[in-house]
C-alpha atoms as a PDB file:
ATOM      1  CA  MET A   1     105.339  67.467  52.346  1.00  0.00           C
ATOM      2  CA  ALA A   2     105.379  67.668  48.691  1.00  0.00           C
ATOM      3  CA  ASP A   3     107.217  70.861  48.017  1.00  0.00           C
ATOM      4  CA  PRO A   4     109.757  72.945  49.152  1.00  0.00           C
ATOM      5  CA  TYR A   5     108.362  75.751  50.601  1.00  0.00           C
ATOM      6  CA  VAL A   6     108.290  75.203  54.335  1.00  0.00           C
ATOM      7  CA  GLY A   7     111.989  73.733  54.020  1.00  0.00           C
ATOM      8  CA  ILE A   8     113.027  77.075  52.014  1.00  0.00           C
ATOM      9  CA  MET A   9     111.215  79.289  54.935  1.00  0.00           C
ATOM     10  CA  LYS A  10     113.213  77.263  57.553  1.00  0.00           C
ATOM     11  CA  GLY A  11     116.332  77.839  55.578  1.00  0.00           C
ATOM     12  CA  VAL A  12     116.004  81.724  55.517  1.00  0.00           C
ATOM     13  CA  MET A  13     115.002  81.858  59.285  1.00  0.00           C
ATOM     14  CA  LEU A  14     117.693  80.142  60.652  1.00  0.00           C
ATOM     15  CA  GLY A  15     120.055  82.168  58.030  1.00  0.00           C
ATOM     16  CA  ILE A  16     119.214  85.551  59.716  1.00  0.00           C
ATOM     17  CA  ASN A  17     119.118  83.818  63.678  1.00  0.00           C
ATOM     18  CA  PRO A  18     121.035  80.154  63.764  1.00  0.00           C
ATOM     19  CA  ASP A  19     120.445  79.633  67.339  1.00  0.00           C
ATOM     20  CA  ALA A  20     116.606  79.979  66.644  1.00  0.00           C
ATOM     21  CA  ARG A  21     114.586  76.889  67.448  1.00  0.00           C
ATOM     22  CA  LEU A  22     111.702  75.789  65.249  1.00  0.00           C
ATOM     23  CA  VAL A  23     108.659  73.988  65.538  1.00  0.00           C
ATOM     24  CA  ASP A  24     105.872  73.596  63.441  1.00  0.00           C
ATOM     25  CA  ILE A  25     102.381  73.098  64.464  1.00  0.00           C
ATOM     26  CA  SER A  26     100.777  72.094  61.238  1.00  0.00           C
ATOM     27  CA  HIS A  27     101.270  71.675  57.529  1.00  0.00           C
ATOM     28  CA  GLY A  28      97.980  69.954  56.604  1.00  0.00           C
ATOM     29  CA  ILE A  29      95.861  72.913  56.320  1.00  0.00           C
ATOM     30  CA  GLN A  30      93.417  72.884  53.683  1.00  0.00           C
ATOM     31  CA  PRO A  31      94.932  75.072  50.727  1.00  0.00           C
ATOM     32  CA  GLY A  32      93.395  78.168  50.719  1.00  0.00           C
ATOM     33  CA  ASN A  33      91.305  77.762  53.935  1.00  0.00           C
ATOM     34  CA  ILE A  34      91.816  80.731  55.934  1.00  0.00           C
ATOM     35  CA  PHE A  35      89.302  79.891  58.802  1.00  0.00           C
ATOM     36  CA  GLU A  36      91.313  76.846  59.405  1.00  0.00           C
ATOM     37  CA  ALA A  37      94.214  78.071  59.798  1.00  0.00           C
ATOM     38  CA  GLY A  38      92.936  80.780  62.169  1.00  0.00           C
ATOM     39  CA  VAL A  39      91.568  78.138  64.215  1.00  0.00           C
ATOM     40  CA  VAL A  40      94.303  75.773  64.383  1.00  0.00           C
ATOM     41  CA  LEU A  41      96.342  78.630  65.244  1.00  0.00           C
ATOM     42  CA  LYS A  42      94.011  80.148  67.876  1.00  0.00           C
ATOM     43  CA  GLU A  43      94.171  76.338  69.053  1.00  0.00           C
ATOM     44  CA  SER A  44      97.850  76.072  69.529  1.00  0.00           C
ATOM     45  CA  TYR A  45      99.574  79.290  70.444  1.00  0.00           C
ATOM     46  CA  ALA A  46      99.088  79.608  74.250  1.00  0.00           C
ATOM     47  CA  TYR A  47     100.965  76.166  74.919  1.00  0.00           C
ATOM     48  CA  PHE A  48     104.018  77.970  73.856  1.00  0.00           C
ATOM     49  CA  PRO A  49     105.829  79.819  75.625  1.00  0.00           C
ATOM     50  CA  ARG A  50     105.462  83.928  76.205  1.00  0.00           C
ATOM     51  CA  GLY A  51     107.763  85.296  73.578  1.00  0.00           C
ATOM     52  CA  THR A  52     106.776  83.252  70.892  1.00  0.00           C
ATOM     53  CA  VAL A  53     107.191  84.362  67.408  1.00  0.00           C
ATOM     54  CA  HIS A  54     104.411  82.496  65.419  1.00  0.00           C
ATOM     55  CA  VAL A  55     104.282  82.228  61.556  1.00  0.00           C
ATOM     56  CA  ALA A  56     101.334  81.386  59.939  1.00  0.00           C
ATOM     57  CA  VAL A  57     100.664  81.336  55.932  1.00  0.00           C
ATOM     58  CA  VAL A  58      97.626  80.747  54.316  1.00  0.00           C
ATOM     59  CA  ASP A  59      97.826  83.220  51.634  1.00  0.00           C
ATOM     60  CA  PRO A  60      95.273  83.334  48.574  1.00  0.00           C
ATOM     61  CA  GLY A  61      96.154  86.865  48.031  1.00  0.00           C
ATOM     62  CA  VAL A  62     100.345  86.689  47.987  1.00  0.00           C
ATOM     63  CA  GLY A  63     101.399  89.808  45.658  1.00  0.00           C
ATOM     64  CA  THR A  64      98.253  91.877  45.997  1.00  0.00           C
ATOM     65  CA  SER A  65      97.502  94.822  47.921  1.00  0.00           C
ATOM     66  CA  ARG A  66      96.750  93.083  50.749  1.00  0.00           C
ATOM     67  CA  ARG A  67      99.015  93.434  53.752  1.00  0.00           C
ATOM     68  CA  ALA A  68     101.611  91.892  55.668  1.00  0.00           C
ATOM     69  CA  LEU A  69     101.099  92.029  59.686  1.00  0.00           C
ATOM     70  CA  VAL A  70     102.810  91.513  62.894  1.00  0.00           C
ATOM     71  CA  LEU A  71     100.303  90.999  65.737  1.00  0.00           C
ATOM     72  CA  LEU A  72     101.195  91.344  69.616  1.00  0.00           C
ATOM     73  CA  ALA A  73      98.636  89.581  71.607  1.00  0.00           C
ATOM     74  CA  ASP A  74      98.787  87.960  74.961  1.00  0.00           C
ATOM     75  CA  GLY A  75     102.363  88.124  75.262  1.00  0.00           C
ATOM     76  CA  HIS A  76     102.626  86.616  71.826  1.00  0.00           C
ATOM     77  CA  PHE A  77     103.920  87.723  68.253  1.00  0.00           C
ATOM     78  CA  PHE A  78     101.633  86.487  65.306  1.00  0.00           C
ATOM     79  CA  VAL A  79     103.231  87.292  61.285  1.00  0.00           C
ATOM     80  CA  ALA A  80     101.159  86.984  58.559  1.00  0.00           C
ATOM     81  CA  PRO A  81      98.750  87.807  55.998  1.00  0.00           C
ATOM     82  CA  ASP A  82      96.350  90.068  56.432  1.00  0.00           C
ATOM     83  CA  ASN A  83      93.337  88.069  55.054  1.00  0.00           C
ATOM     84  CA  GLY A  84      91.005  87.369  58.615  1.00  0.00           C
ATOM     85  CA  LEU A  85      94.013  84.570  59.498  1.00  0.00           C
ATOM     86  CA  LEU A  86      94.292  86.410  62.843  1.00  0.00           C
ATOM     87  CA  TRP A  87      91.042  87.115  63.265  1.00  0.00           C
ATOM     88  CA  PRO A  88      90.386  84.655  65.590  1.00  0.00           C
ATOM     89  CA  ILE A  89      92.761  85.276  68.245  1.00  0.00           C
ATOM     90  CA  ILE A  90      92.390  88.947  67.959  1.00  0.00           C
ATOM     91  CA  SER A  91      88.578  88.657  69.059  1.00  0.00           C
ATOM     92  CA  LYS A  92      89.513  86.892  72.088  1.00  0.00           C
ATOM     93  CA  GLN A  93      92.090  89.389  72.705  1.00  0.00           C
ATOM     94  CA  PRO A  94      90.810  92.770  72.717  1.00  0.00           C
ATOM     95  CA  THR A  95      94.075  94.421  73.864  1.00  0.00           C
ATOM     96  CA  ASN A  96      96.720  94.094  70.740  1.00  0.00           C
ATOM     97  CA  THR A  97      98.820  95.727  68.785  1.00  0.00           C
ATOM     98  CA  LEU A  98      99.065  95.323  64.891  1.00  0.00           C
ATOM     99  CA  ILE A  99     101.720  96.858  62.874  1.00  0.00           C
ATOM    100  CA  HIS A 100     101.596  96.824  58.949  1.00  0.00           C
ATOM    101  CA  LEU A 101     104.919  95.463  57.935  1.00  0.00           C
ATOM    102  CA  THR A 102     106.122  98.278  55.476  1.00  0.00           C
ATOM    103  CA  ASN A 103     110.428  98.186  56.101  1.00  0.00           C
ATOM    104  CA  PRO A 104     112.195  96.477  53.604  1.00  0.00           C
ATOM    105  CA  ALA A 105     114.881  96.439  55.606  1.00  0.00           C
ATOM    106  CA  PHE A 106     113.231  93.479  57.341  1.00  0.00           C
ATOM    107  CA  PHE A 107     112.635  91.563  54.329  1.00  0.00           C
ATOM    108  CA  LEU A 108     114.513  89.367  51.790  1.00  0.00           C
ATOM    109  CA  HIS A 109     115.159  90.761  48.214  1.00  0.00           C
ATOM    110  CA  PRO A 110     114.164  90.775  46.139  1.00  0.00           C
ATOM    111  CA  ILE A 111     110.507  90.332  46.601  1.00  0.00           C
ATOM    112  CA  SER A 112     108.203  87.876  44.633  1.00  0.00           C
ATOM    113  CA  ASN A 113     104.529  88.165  44.151  1.00  0.00           C
ATOM    114  CA  THR A 114     104.370  84.312  44.904  1.00  0.00           C
ATOM    115  CA  PHE A 115     106.181  83.420  47.964  1.00  0.00           C
ATOM    116  CA  HIS A 116     105.961  86.100  50.586  1.00  0.00           C
ATOM    117  CA  GLY A 117     106.291  83.517  53.216  1.00  0.00           C
ATOM    118  CA  ARG A 118     110.556  83.443  52.033  1.00  0.00           C
ATOM    119  CA  ASP A 119     110.927  86.852  51.434  1.00  0.00           C
ATOM    120  CA  ILE A 120     108.724  88.992  54.236  1.00  0.00           C
ATOM    121  CA  PHE A 121     107.081  86.587  56.753  1.00  0.00           C
ATOM    122  CA  ALA A 122     110.233  84.509  57.490  1.00  0.00           C
ATOM    123  CA  PRO A 123     112.429  87.310  57.842  1.00  0.00           C
ATOM    124  CA  VAL A 124     110.457  89.719  59.813  1.00  0.00           C
ATOM    125  CA  ALA A 125     109.761  86.650  61.908  1.00  0.00           C
ATOM    126  CA  ALA A 126     113.784  85.764  62.608  1.00  0.00           C
ATOM    127  CA  HIS A 127     114.823  89.336  62.867  1.00  0.00           C
ATOM    128  CA  LEU A 128     111.773  89.464  65.512  1.00  0.00           C
ATOM    129  CA  ALA A 129     112.952  86.391  67.335  1.00  0.00           C
ATOM    130  CA  LEU A 130     116.264  88.052  67.717  1.00  0.00           C
ATOM    131  CA  GLY A 131     114.680  90.970  69.527  1.00  0.00           C
ATOM    132  CA  ALA A 132     113.710  93.543  66.403  1.00  0.00           C
ATOM    133  CA  SER A 133     111.242  95.870  67.779  1.00  0.00           C
ATOM    134  CA  PRO A 134     107.704  95.041  65.904  1.00  0.00           C
ATOM    135  CA  PHE A 135     107.732  99.410  65.525  1.00  0.00           C
ATOM    136  CA  GLU A 136     110.566  99.738  63.545  1.00  0.00           C
ATOM    137  CA  MET A 137     108.958  97.236  60.937  1.00  0.00           C
ATOM    138  CA  GLY A 138     106.298  99.634  59.923  1.00  0.00           C
ATOM    139  CA  ASN A 139     103.259 101.329  61.785  1.00  0.00           C
ATOM    140  CA  PRO A 140     100.341 100.511  63.768  1.00  0.00           C
ATOM    141  CA  ILE A 141      97.248  99.685  62.066  1.00  0.00           C
ATOM    142  CA  ASP A 142      93.403  99.496  64.128  1.00  0.00           C
ATOM    143  CA  ASP A 143      91.372  98.032  60.862  1.00  0.00           C
ATOM    144  CA  PRO A 144      92.195  94.175  60.276  1.00  0.00           C
ATOM    145  CA  ILE A 145      90.440  92.279  57.940  1.00  0.00           C
ATOM    146  CA  LYS A 146      87.853  90.127  59.780  1.00  0.00           C
ATOM    147  CA  LEU A 147      86.338  86.451  59.159  1.00  0.00           C
ATOM    148  CA  SER A 148      83.092  85.589  59.778  1.00  0.00           C
ATOM    149  CA  ILE A 149      83.096  83.045  62.798  1.00  0.00           C
ATOM    150  CA  PRO A 150      80.110  80.548  63.108  1.00  0.00           C
ATOM    151  CA  LEU A 151      78.467  80.565  66.424  1.00  0.00           C
ATOM    152  CA  PRO A 152      76.322  78.012  67.490  1.00  0.00           C
ATOM    153  CA  MET A 153      72.767  79.112  67.990  1.00  0.00           C
ATOM    154  CA  GLU A 154      69.661  77.581  69.766  1.00  0.00           C
ATOM    155  CA  HIS A 155      66.730  76.824  67.186  1.00  0.00           C
ATOM    156  CA  GLY A 156      63.480  75.983  69.173  1.00  0.00           C
ATOM    157  CA  GLN A 157      64.223  73.285  72.217  1.00  0.00           C
ATOM    158  CA  LYS A 158      67.895  72.128  69.551  1.00  0.00           C
ATOM    159  CA  LEU A 159      71.391  73.556  69.841  1.00  0.00           C
ATOM    160  CA  LYS A 160      72.668  73.875  66.240  1.00  0.00           C
ATOM    161  CA  GLY A 161      76.705  74.815  65.045  1.00  0.00           C
ATOM    162  CA  GLN A 162      78.327  73.021  62.493  1.00  0.00           C
ATOM    163  CA  VAL A 163      81.684  71.033  61.421  1.00  0.00           C
ATOM    164  CA  ILE A 164      84.639  74.290  61.499  1.00  0.00           C
ATOM    165  CA  ARG A 165      87.762  71.492  61.338  1.00  0.00           C
ATOM    166  CA  VAL A 166      88.569  67.798  60.655  1.00  0.00           C
ATOM    167  CA  ASP A 167      91.461  66.573  61.955  1.00  0.00           C
ATOM    168  CA  ARG A 168      93.711  63.710  60.240  1.00  0.00           C
ATOM    169  CA  PHE A 169      92.165  61.070  62.179  1.00  0.00           C
ATOM    170  CA  GLY A 170      89.005  61.627  60.951  1.00  0.00           C
ATOM    171  CA  ASN A 171      87.516  63.602  63.970  1.00  0.00           C
ATOM    172  CA  LEU A 172      84.954  66.734  63.306  1.00  0.00           C
ATOM    173  CA  ILE A 173      85.393  69.285  65.208  1.00  0.00           C
ATOM    174  CA  THR A 174      82.690  71.420  65.496  1.00  0.00           C
ATOM    175  CA  ASN A 175      82.174  75.141  66.854  1.00  0.00           C
ATOM    176  CA  ILE A 176      79.877  74.096  70.164  1.00  0.00           C
ATOM    177  CA  ASP A 177      82.320  74.435  73.213  1.00  0.00           C
ATOM    178  CA  VAL A 178      81.507  72.417  76.748  1.00  0.00           C
ATOM    179  CA  ARG A 179      80.685  75.346  78.423  1.00  0.00           C
ATOM    180  CA  THR A 180      77.910  76.455  75.793  1.00  0.00           C
ATOM    181  CA  LEU A 181      76.468  72.903  76.014  1.00  0.00           C
ATOM    182  CA  THR A 182      76.284  72.453  79.188  1.00  0.00           C
ATOM    183  CA  GLN A 183      74.582  75.946  79.528  1.00  0.00           C
ATOM    184  CA  TYR A 184      71.945  74.639  77.187  1.00  0.00           C
ATOM    185  CA  ALA A 185      72.063  70.916  78.336  1.00  0.00           C
ATOM    186  CA  ALA A 186      70.941  72.293  81.608  1.00  0.00           C
ATOM    187  CA  SER A 187      70.951  68.115  82.654  1.00  0.00           C
ATOM    188  CA  PRO A 188      73.726  65.284  82.452  1.00  0.00           C
ATOM    189  CA  LEU A 189      75.015  65.645  79.032  1.00  0.00           C
ATOM    190  CA  SER A 190      74.383  61.336  79.240  1.00  0.00           C
ATOM    191  CA  ASN A 191      70.928  62.630  78.435  1.00  0.00           C
ATOM    192  CA  VAL A 192      71.679  64.505  75.163  1.00  0.00           C
ATOM    193  CA  THR A 193      71.749  63.696  71.791  1.00  0.00           C
ATOM    194  CA  VAL A 194      74.032  64.983  68.806  1.00  0.00           C
ATOM    195  CA  THR A 195      72.896  64.219  65.044  1.00  0.00           C
ATOM    196  CA  VAL A 196      75.016  64.822  62.666  1.00  0.00           C
ATOM    197  CA  GLY A 197      73.992  64.134  58.541  1.00  0.00           C
ATOM    198  CA  PRO A 198      73.007  59.925  58.932  1.00  0.00           C
ATOM    199  CA  MET A 199      74.685  60.193  62.774  1.00  0.00           C
ATOM    200  CA  LYS A 200      72.770  59.965  65.676  1.00  0.00           C
ATOM    201  CA  ILE A 201      74.139  59.610  68.618  1.00  0.00           C
ATOM    202  CA  LYS A 202      72.782  59.380  72.076  1.00  0.00           C
ATOM    203  CA  GLY A 203      75.245  60.887  74.953  1.00  0.00           C
ATOM    204  CA  ILE A 204      78.480  62.678  75.688  1.00  0.00           C
ATOM    205  CA  SER A 205      81.309  59.963  75.954  1.00  0.00           C
ATOM    206  CA  SER A 206      84.258  60.925  78.102  1.00  0.00           C
ATOM    207  CA  THR A 207      86.964  58.602  75.598  1.00  0.00           C
ATOM    208  CA  TYR A 208      86.963  56.676  72.423  1.00  0.00           C
ATOM    209  CA  ALA A 209      87.128  53.631  73.765  1.00  0.00           C
ATOM    210  CA  ASP A 210      83.170  54.276  75.827  1.00  0.00           C
ATOM    211  CA  VAL A 211      81.779  52.651  72.460  1.00  0.00           C
ATOM    212  CA  PRO A 212      82.902  49.525  70.434  1.00  0.00           C
ATOM    213  CA  THR A 213      85.313  49.740  67.565  1.00  0.00           C
ATOM    214  CA  GLY A 214      83.426  51.198  64.682  1.00  0.00           C
ATOM    215  CA  LYS A 215      80.963  52.989  66.703  1.00  0.00           C
ATOM    216  CA  GLU A 216      80.118  56.480  66.419  1.00  0.00           C
ATOM    217  CA  LEU A 217      80.375  58.776  69.729  1.00  0.00           C
ATOM    218  CA  ALA A 218      80.257  62.426  70.639  1.00  0.00           C
ATOM    219  CA  LEU A 219      83.136  63.692  72.969  1.00  0.00           C
ATOM    220  CA  ILE A 220      84.768  66.914  74.082  1.00  0.00           C
ATOM    221  CA  GLY A 221      87.918  67.488  72.625  1.00  0.00           C
ATOM    222  CA  SER A 222      91.251  68.509  73.896  1.00  0.00           C
ATOM    223  CA  SER A 223      90.374  72.237  72.680  1.00  0.00           C
ATOM    224  CA  GLY A 224      87.634  71.943  74.280  1.00  0.00           C
ATOM    225  CA  PHE A 225      84.770  71.750  71.929  1.00  0.00           C
ATOM    226  CA  LEU A 226      82.305  68.839  70.979  1.00  0.00           C
ATOM    227  CA  GLU A 227      83.831  66.370  68.825  1.00  0.00           C
ATOM    228  CA  ILE A 228      82.166  63.745  66.984  1.00  0.00           C
ATOM    229  CA  SER A 229      84.001  60.534  66.152  1.00  0.00           C
ATOM    230  CA  VAL A 230      84.096  56.995  65.614  1.00  0.00           C
ATOM    231  CA  ASN A 231      86.460  54.486  67.558  1.00  0.00           C
ATOM    232  CA  GLN A 232      89.172  53.488  65.449  1.00  0.00           C
ATOM    233  CA  GLY A 233      87.466  54.959  62.516  1.00  0.00           C
ATOM    234  CA  ARG A 234      86.822  57.906  60.688  1.00  0.00           C
ATOM    235  CA  ALA A 235      83.738  60.145  60.951  1.00  0.00           C
ATOM    236  CA  ASP A 236      84.151  61.836  58.450  1.00  0.00           C
ATOM    237  CA  ARG A 237      83.634  59.412  55.424  1.00  0.00           C
ATOM    238  CA  LYS A 238      80.366  58.055  57.631  1.00  0.00           C
ATOM    239  CA  ILE A 239      79.400  61.448  55.856  1.00  0.00           C
ATOM    240  CA  ASP A 240      80.455  61.977  52.986  1.00  0.00           C
ATOM    241  CA  PRO A 241      83.102  59.565  51.168  1.00  0.00           C
ATOM    242  CA  CYS A 242      85.647  61.760  50.097  1.00  0.00           C
ATOM    243  CA  GLY A 243      85.340  63.628  53.760  1.00  0.00           C
ATOM    244  CA  MET A 244      83.802  67.022  52.464  1.00  0.00           C
ATOM    245  CA  VAL A 245      82.051  67.631  55.796  1.00  0.00           C
ATOM    246  CA  VAL A 246      83.262  71.310  56.775  1.00  0.00           C
ATOM    247  CA  GLY A 247      80.247  73.192  57.473  1.00  0.00           C
ATOM    248  CA  THR A 248      77.855  70.033  57.984  1.00  0.00           C
ATOM    249  CA  SER A 249      74.833  71.380  60.700  1.00  0.00           C
ATOM    250  CA  VAL A 250      75.159  69.349  63.902  1.00  0.00           C
ATOM    251  CA  TRP A 251      72.088  69.605  66.261  1.00  0.00           C
ATOM    252  CA  VAL A 252      72.064  68.745  69.988  1.00  0.00           C
ATOM    253  CA  ASP A 253      68.992  67.841  71.200  1.00  0.00           C
ATOM    254  CA  LYS A 254      68.084  67.599  74.872  1.00  0.00           C
ATOM    255  CA  THR A 255      64.893  66.235  75.258  1.00  0.00           C
ATOM    256  CA  GLY A 256      66.445  62.858  73.368  1.00  0.00           C
ATOM    257  CA  ALA A 257      64.092  63.043  70.326  1.00  0.00           C
END
C-alpha cells in the first residue's frame, strides 16, 4: 500500500478493540469504483463467520450529505457509505436492517471531511465487534441508495453479458452466472462460442490448463460466473493494452456461429 490510510483505520479499530482480528479482503479496488467494491464484498462475505463486521470504504462523496450506514443481513454486519456499495447484498438479502449512523458517541473526533473511514466507519466497526448494538448508533431507514446492476439478457439467439470486474491476474469476470449460462445453452457447454472483443472462444473449459500457454479460454470461476482468461497470461491486455475493459460486451452463442 502506497499510503497510510488502511493502516490508520486498523490502528483506530485496535485502539478501541485490541482483541479484534482484522482480515483484508482487497485494497485493489479501482479508485471510486462503487460497483466493483459492492460486487467484491458480495462475493466474499459469506466465507466469513456469522457475526463478522465488514468495513467497506469506497466513498467519492465523503464529507457530503451522503449517509453512513450499518447493514445487518444474513447474520453479518456491514459498515459503509450509503452510495450503492451495499446494494448488491441488500438486493440479494431482502430480509435486512439498515441503520443510519448518527450517534457521535461511536465516532472519532474531530471528524474530518475527507477521511470518514478513520473517523466514522472504523470506530463504528470496532464498537460493533465489541458487542455494541447498532440500534444505539442511529435510526433504522428503508431507502438506501440503489446501484444499477447489469444483468445478462438474451438478444435473438445469443446471450449478452458484460465484463464487470478484472482481477489482478487479468481475468475478465462477467455478469453471466453458471445457472443463466446453462439454462441458455440447454446443451453441453462445450458447444457454445464466447466472444469478447477480438477473442472468439469455442466451448467452456474446466481449468486454465485445458488450453496451451498463452491461449484464451472461457471457464466458470470460483464465484460461479463466466470468466475469460488466458492461460498464464492476461485476457484484459488482449482487448485493450491498458486493460480498460470493464463494461465490454460478452456474447455467448449456442448455435456455434
